[in-house]
Amino acid sequence: MEICYSPDKFNATSFHVMTMTIITLQAFSGMWINAFIVSVLCIAWIKKRTFNSNEKILLFLGCSRFMHICIAWVFSFIAIIHPCSICIHPTFQILTSVQSFFNSLNLWVSACLCLFYCIKIANFRHVFFIYLKVKIDRIVPWLLLSSVLLSLLIFFIIYDRMNKIQCKNLNSTTAGNILTLTVRMDEHFFPVLFFSGFLFATAFMAVIFSASLLLYSLWTHNRKMHTNSVKDLSMDAHIKAMKSILSFFFIYTINFVCLVLTFIYSMKKESPVAFLEFIYPYVFPTIHSLILIFSNPKMEKTLLKTLLCGKCKACMR
């Protein structure tokens, strides 16, 4: 990753302010949305003193995304405002490893959520699928634990390898406060990228498989209802679930492509997709969390009430 600002192209100070403003708006909106999900689930737990499997995954997902966005914002803030601090050992190693941990956890828990919806909603008569449907509530904690362990494995591997990354060419000029930060990844770091990419690709394949099965099941169900002219009360719920899964699959695919591009160009000194390193950590967790809120009637109602209350208080002032 290389961040290089030239006085011939733009004013470095104004560029820093503009970039940091955009990133901060994205980060705080994403943190607020995921904090909202966590707070709603915690309030519901206080009332009924129990969590179902769906709420466990959503709570885990909201917490991991909140921390992922928070760490990504801190990393971007230091890299843009005071890049000299990045090369102070072990700041870069810790921030990169922790960000990779929460990024991995975010992707794996999202895949677990898609898998859970597939098993819970889809209707197949295969013996193994029926077994999973019966046992899914017991499987969910193990899926979450596996996600944490895989993410911890990535954390320790990346932290160990990051100690061998060389930070050099850190220059500062007094004329325009122009900073050049070059972080070079040695060739021995390629196996770590390959291993991380393999794990992320596995999560992506799980999402593709689950979404495809679920969409096929919902499509066949709707077709039978239309063919038999039967009015099913769950028809609207099935259509809403299909839209939610399609939206999730679309943004998950975009996020995975951005992740692959950053992996590919991370070994190069100059990256044409360097802006993705500052954008994609916030887009996927924010948009997908919004989809989850609007696909959940209780959360959607609570969100609208919260926004209306905030608007009323603002008007009263």
Protein backbone atom coordinates (compact mmCIF):
# COMPACT_ATOMS: atom_id res chain seq x y z
CA MET A 1 0.00 0.00 0.00
CA GLU A 2 1.34 3.36 -0.97
CA ILE A 3 -0.06 6.73 -0.11
CA CYS A 4 1.69 9.47 -2.03
CA TYR A 5 0.52 13.03 -2.41
CA SER A 6 2.03 15.38 -4.94
CA PRO A 7 1.86 19.18 -4.80
CA ASP A 8 1.45 19.34 -8.58
CA LYS A 9 -1.87 17.53 -8.44
CA PHE A 10 -3.69 18.97 -5.45
CA ASN A 11 -3.37 20.61 -2.10
CA ALA A 12 -2.38 17.90 0.36
CA THR A 13 -4.08 19.51 3.35
CA SER A 14 -7.46 19.94 1.67
CA PHE A 15 -7.24 16.43 0.23
CA HIS A 16 -6.56 15.00 3.70
CA VAL A 17 -9.53 16.87 5.15
CA MET A 18 -11.88 15.82 2.33
CA THR A 19 -10.80 12.17 2.46
CA MET A 20 -11.02 11.97 6.23
CA THR A 21 -14.44 13.63 6.21
CA ILE A 22 -15.84 11.09 3.75
CA ILE A 23 -14.33 8.17 5.64
CA THR A 24 -15.60 9.49 8.98
CA LEU A 25 -19.15 9.92 7.68
CA GLN A 26 -19.11 6.38 6.31
CA ALA A 27 -17.59 4.94 9.45
CA PHE A 28 -19.88 6.61 11.96
CA SER A 29 -23.00 5.83 9.94
CA GLY A 30 -21.93 2.17 9.78
CA MET A 31 -21.10 2.06 13.49
CA TRP A 32 -24.43 3.69 14.38
CA ILE A 33 -26.42 1.20 12.29
CA ASN A 34 -24.68 -1.83 13.76
CA ALA A 35 -24.85 -0.39 17.28
CA PHE A 36 -28.59 0.03 16.70
CA ILE A 37 -28.92 -3.68 15.82
CA VAL A 38 -26.97 -4.69 18.92
CA SER A 39 -28.97 -2.37 21.21
CA VAL A 40 -32.34 -3.63 19.88
CA LEU A 41 -31.28 -7.25 20.41
CA CYS A 42 -29.96 -6.52 23.91
CA ILE A 43 -33.18 -4.74 24.90
CA ALA A 44 -35.18 -7.72 23.59
CA TRP A 45 -32.95 -10.06 25.61
CA ILE A 46 -33.54 -8.03 28.78
CA LYS A 47 -37.29 -8.38 28.28
CA LYS A 48 -37.47 -12.10 27.49
CA ARG A 49 -34.10 -13.31 28.91
CA THR A 50 -33.38 -15.53 25.93
CA PHE A 51 -31.86 -15.45 22.45
CA ASN A 52 -32.98 -17.55 19.49
CA SER A 53 -30.44 -18.71 16.89
CA ASN A 54 -31.19 -15.89 14.48
CA GLU A 55 -30.70 -13.26 17.19
CA LYS A 56 -27.42 -14.87 18.27
CA ILE A 57 -26.02 -14.58 14.75
CA LEU A 58 -27.31 -11.03 14.33
CA LEU A 59 -25.83 -9.98 17.70
CA PHE A 60 -22.49 -11.54 16.81
CA LEU A 61 -22.60 -9.93 13.37
CA GLY A 62 -23.48 -6.49 14.73
CA CYS A 63 -20.66 -6.56 17.30
CA SER A 64 -18.05 -7.78 14.80
CA ARG A 65 -19.06 -5.19 12.22
CA PHE A 66 -19.03 -2.37 14.76
CA MET A 67 -15.48 -3.28 15.79
CA HIS A 68 -14.40 -3.86 12.17
CA ILE A 69 -15.56 -0.40 11.10
CA CYS A 70 -14.08 1.20 14.23
CA ILE A 71 -10.63 -0.35 13.69
CA ALA A 72 -10.73 0.44 9.96
CA TRP A 73 -11.51 4.09 10.77
CA VAL A 74 -8.67 4.30 13.30
CA PHE A 75 -6.26 2.78 10.76
CA SER A 76 -7.40 5.22 8.04
CA PHE A 77 -7.22 8.17 10.45
CA ILE A 78 -3.63 7.42 11.44
CA ALA A 79 -2.56 6.62 7.85
CA ILE A 80 -3.98 9.88 6.48
CA ILE A 81 -3.49 12.37 9.32
CA HIS A 82 -0.19 11.14 10.77
CA PRO A 83 1.34 8.39 8.59
CA CYS A 84 4.63 8.54 10.52
CA SER A 85 2.90 6.75 13.40
CA ILE A 86 2.09 3.77 11.19
CA CYS A 87 5.73 2.72 11.03
CA ILE A 88 6.19 2.77 14.78
CA HIS A 89 6.46 -0.83 15.92
CA PRO A 90 4.07 -2.52 16.58
CA THR A 91 1.31 -0.06 15.53
CA PHE A 92 1.06 -1.24 11.93
CA GLN A 93 1.25 -4.92 12.88
CA ILE A 94 -1.48 -4.67 15.53
CA LEU A 95 -3.87 -2.53 13.49
CA THR A 96 -3.51 -4.67 10.36
CA SER A 97 -3.90 -7.95 12.26
CA VAL A 98 -6.92 -6.77 14.27
CA GLN A 99 -8.55 -5.35 11.15
CA SER A 100 -7.97 -8.65 9.34
CA PHE A 101 -9.48 -10.54 12.30
CA PHE A 102 -12.72 -8.54 12.32
CA ASN A 103 -12.89 -8.51 8.52
CA SER A 104 -12.63 -12.31 8.48
CA LEU A 105 -15.14 -12.61 11.32
CA ASN A 106 -17.54 -10.33 9.47
CA LEU A 107 -17.38 -12.43 6.29
CA TRP A 108 -17.69 -15.78 8.09
CA VAL A 109 -20.59 -14.74 10.32
CA SER A 110 -22.36 -13.30 7.27
CA ALA A 111 -21.92 -16.66 5.57
CA CYS A 112 -23.29 -18.38 8.70
CA LEU A 113 -26.35 -16.13 8.58
CA CYS A 114 -26.99 -17.00 4.94
CA LEU A 115 -26.53 -20.70 5.72
CA PHE A 116 -28.92 -20.42 8.67
CA TYR A 117 -31.60 -18.78 6.52
CA CYS A 118 -31.17 -21.47 3.89
CA ILE A 119 -31.63 -24.33 6.35
CA LYS A 120 -34.43 -22.64 8.28
CA ILE A 121 -36.54 -21.35 5.36
CA ALA A 122 -35.83 -23.69 2.43
CA ASN A 123 -38.05 -26.73 2.06
CA PHE A 124 -36.24 -29.84 0.77
CA ARG A 125 -37.14 -33.43 1.54
CA HIS A 126 -33.60 -34.81 1.61
CA VAL A 127 -32.79 -36.73 4.81
CA PHE A 128 -29.61 -34.78 5.50
CA PHE A 129 -31.35 -31.43 4.99
CA ILE A 130 -34.17 -32.44 7.35
CA TYR A 131 -31.54 -33.46 9.92
CA LEU A 132 -29.86 -30.05 9.62
CA LYS A 133 -33.21 -28.29 9.99
CA VAL A 134 -33.88 -30.15 13.24
CA LYS A 135 -30.36 -29.64 14.64
CA ILE A 136 -29.67 -26.11 13.36
CA ASP A 137 -30.22 -24.46 16.75
CA ARG A 138 -27.47 -26.63 18.23
CA ILE A 139 -25.20 -26.14 15.22
CA VAL A 140 -25.29 -22.31 15.30
CA PRO A 141 -23.02 -21.89 18.38
CA TRP A 142 -20.46 -24.21 16.78
CA LEU A 143 -20.61 -22.23 13.53
CA LEU A 144 -19.95 -19.02 15.45
CA LEU A 145 -17.11 -20.63 17.41
CA SER A 146 -15.56 -21.91 14.18
CA SER A 147 -15.76 -18.40 12.70
CA VAL A 148 -13.90 -16.98 15.71
CA LEU A 149 -11.21 -19.68 15.58
CA LEU A 150 -10.60 -19.21 11.85
CA SER A 151 -10.40 -15.45 12.32
CA LEU A 152 -7.98 -15.88 15.23
CA LEU A 153 -5.83 -18.10 13.03
CA ILE A 154 -5.66 -15.36 10.42
CA PHE A 155 -4.88 -12.81 13.15
CA PHE A 156 -1.88 -14.73 14.52
CA ILE A 157 -0.50 -15.62 11.09
CA ILE A 158 -0.74 -12.06 9.79
CA TYR A 159 0.71 -10.57 12.99
CA ASP A 160 3.65 -12.95 12.81
CA ARG A 161 4.32 -12.15 9.16
CA MET A 162 3.76 -8.44 9.56
CA ASN A 163 6.87 -8.24 11.70
CA LYS A 164 8.83 -8.91 8.51
CA ILE A 165 7.19 -6.13 6.52
CA GLN A 166 9.54 -3.25 5.95
CA CYS A 167 8.40 0.32 6.31
CA LYS A 168 10.60 2.70 4.41
CA ASN A 169 10.69 5.86 2.32
CA LEU A 170 8.91 7.93 4.96
CA ASN A 171 9.57 11.53 3.96
CA SER A 172 8.21 14.86 5.11
CA THR A 173 8.60 18.27 3.55
CA THR A 174 7.96 21.53 5.34
CA ALA A 175 6.66 23.37 2.26
CA GLY A 176 3.35 21.61 1.84
CA ASN A 177 3.38 19.00 4.62
CA ILE A 178 3.53 16.36 1.86
CA LEU A 179 3.87 12.87 3.22
CA THR A 180 4.90 9.76 1.39
CA LEU A 181 4.30 6.41 3.02
CA THR A 182 5.45 3.22 1.38
CA VAL A 183 4.77 -0.14 2.97
CA ARG A 184 6.41 -2.94 1.04
CA MET A 185 5.26 -6.51 1.42
CA ASP A 186 7.99 -9.06 0.85
CA GLU A 187 7.48 -12.13 -1.28
CA HIS A 188 7.29 -14.36 1.80
CA PHE A 189 3.99 -12.66 2.66
CA PHE A 190 2.30 -14.12 -0.44
CA PRO A 191 1.43 -17.48 1.26
CA VAL A 192 -0.47 -15.55 3.95
CA LEU A 193 -2.48 -13.71 1.32
CA PHE A 194 -3.13 -16.99 -0.46
CA PHE A 195 -4.28 -18.68 2.76
CA SER A 196 -6.53 -15.75 3.71
CA GLY A 197 -7.92 -15.63 0.19
CA PHE A 198 -8.67 -19.35 0.32
CA LEU A 199 -10.63 -18.95 3.57
CA PHE A 200 -12.55 -15.96 2.23
CA ALA A 201 -13.27 -17.85 -1.00
CA THR A 202 -14.61 -20.76 1.06
CA ALA A 203 -16.98 -18.40 2.86
CA PHE A 204 -18.01 -16.93 -0.48
CA MET A 205 -18.74 -20.40 -1.90
CA ALA A 206 -20.85 -21.19 1.17
CA VAL A 207 -22.86 -18.02 0.50
CA ILE A 208 -23.32 -18.92 -3.18
CA PHE A 209 -24.41 -22.47 -2.31
CA SER A 210 -26.82 -21.38 0.45
CA ALA A 211 -28.31 -18.49 -1.53
CA SER A 212 -28.81 -20.66 -4.62
CA LEU A 213 -30.60 -23.40 -2.66
CA LEU A 214 -32.75 -20.90 -0.80
CA LEU A 215 -33.72 -18.97 -3.92
CA TYR A 216 -34.58 -22.20 -5.74
CA SER A 217 -36.73 -23.36 -2.84
CA LEU A 218 -38.55 -20.03 -2.59
CA TRP A 219 -39.06 -19.88 -6.36
CA THR A 220 -40.56 -23.40 -6.52
CA HIS A 221 -42.80 -22.60 -3.54
CA ASN A 222 -44.14 -19.43 -5.17
CA ARG A 223 -44.67 -21.22 -8.47
CA LYS A 224 -46.71 -23.96 -6.76
CA MET A 225 -48.84 -21.38 -5.01
CA HIS A 226 -49.59 -19.60 -8.29
CA THR A 227 -50.24 -22.87 -10.15
CA ASN A 228 -52.65 -24.18 -7.53
CA SER A 229 -54.27 -20.75 -7.08
CA VAL A 230 -53.77 -21.12 -3.34
CA LYS A 231 -53.53 -17.99 -1.23
CA ASP A 232 -50.62 -18.55 1.11
CA LEU A 233 -50.21 -16.17 4.03
CA SER A 234 -46.43 -16.63 3.89
CA MET A 235 -46.22 -15.60 0.22
CA ASP A 236 -45.20 -12.01 1.02
CA ALA A 237 -42.65 -13.25 3.54
CA HIS A 238 -41.14 -15.58 0.92
CA ILE A 239 -40.93 -12.80 -1.67
CA LYS A 240 -39.35 -10.47 0.90
CA ALA A 241 -36.86 -13.19 1.81
CA MET A 242 -35.95 -13.65 -1.87
CA LYS A 243 -35.31 -9.92 -2.28
CA SER A 244 -33.23 -9.86 0.90
CA ILE A 245 -31.12 -12.84 -0.18
CA LEU A 246 -30.59 -11.41 -3.67
CA SER A 247 -29.52 -8.06 -2.22
CA PHE A 248 -27.18 -9.76 0.23
CA PHE A 249 -25.68 -11.96 -2.50
CA PHE A 250 -25.14 -8.93 -4.75
CA ILE A 251 -23.31 -6.79 -2.18
CA TYR A 252 -21.41 -9.82 -0.81
CA THR A 253 -20.13 -10.49 -4.33
CA ILE A 254 -19.02 -6.88 -4.76
CA ASN A 255 -17.29 -6.97 -1.37
CA PHE A 256 -15.49 -10.21 -2.26
CA VAL A 257 -14.33 -8.78 -5.62
CA CYS A 258 -12.98 -5.66 -3.86
CA LEU A 259 -11.21 -7.87 -1.33
CA VAL A 260 -9.59 -9.94 -4.09
CA LEU A 261 -8.45 -6.79 -5.90
CA THR A 262 -6.83 -5.43 -2.75
CA PHE A 263 -5.10 -8.79 -2.26
CA ILE A 264 -3.81 -8.79 -5.84
CA TYR A 265 -2.46 -5.25 -5.75
CA SER A 266 -1.15 -5.37 -2.19
CA MET A 267 2.06 -6.91 -3.51
CA LYS A 268 2.60 -4.02 -5.92
CA LYS A 269 4.13 -0.68 -5.15
CA GLU A 270 1.51 1.34 -7.02
CA SER A 271 -2.09 0.21 -6.88
CA PRO A 272 -4.79 1.52 -9.25
CA VAL A 273 -7.40 0.38 -6.72
CA ALA A 274 -5.84 1.95 -3.63
CA PHE A 275 -9.07 3.85 -2.92
CA LEU A 276 -10.81 0.51 -2.29
CA GLU A 277 -8.71 0.05 0.83
CA PHE A 278 -10.42 3.12 2.29
CA ILE A 279 -13.94 2.50 0.92
CA TYR A 280 -14.84 -1.19 0.97
CA PRO A 281 -14.37 -1.77 4.76
CA TYR A 282 -17.40 0.48 5.39
CA VAL A 283 -19.75 -0.16 2.45
CA PHE A 284 -20.56 -3.85 2.90
CA PRO A 285 -21.12 -3.86 6.71
CA THR A 286 -23.31 -0.74 6.45
CA ILE A 287 -25.51 -1.67 3.48
CA HIS A 288 -26.04 -5.29 4.53
CA SER A 289 -26.91 -4.23 8.08
CA LEU A 290 -29.52 -1.85 6.62
CA ILE A 291 -30.96 -4.74 4.58
CA LEU A 292 -31.15 -6.84 7.74
CA ILE A 293 -32.97 -4.05 9.57
CA PHE A 294 -35.56 -3.48 6.84
CA SER A 295 -36.11 -7.22 6.39
CA ASN A 296 -36.92 -7.53 10.10
CA PRO A 297 -40.35 -5.96 10.92
CA LYS A 298 -39.48 -5.33 14.58
CA MET A 299 -36.17 -3.65 13.83
CA GLU A 300 -37.67 -1.66 10.98
CA LYS A 301 -40.45 -0.38 13.25
CA THR A 302 -37.98 0.49 16.01
CA LEU A 303 -35.71 2.31 13.56
CA LEU A 304 -38.58 4.38 12.17
CA LYS A 305 -39.69 5.26 15.70
CA THR A 306 -36.15 6.28 16.62
CA LEU A 307 -35.81 8.48 13.54
CA LEU A 308 -39.22 10.06 14.13
CA CYS A 309 -38.40 10.76 17.79
CA GLY A 310 -35.09 12.30 16.79
CA LYS A 311 -36.84 14.45 14.17
CA CYS A 312 -39.47 15.60 16.66
CA LYS A 313 -36.85 16.56 19.26
CA ALA A 314 -34.92 18.47 16.60
CA CYS A 315 -38.07 20.36 15.59
CA MET A 316 -38.87 21.22 19.22
CA ARG A 317 -35.47 22.86 19.58
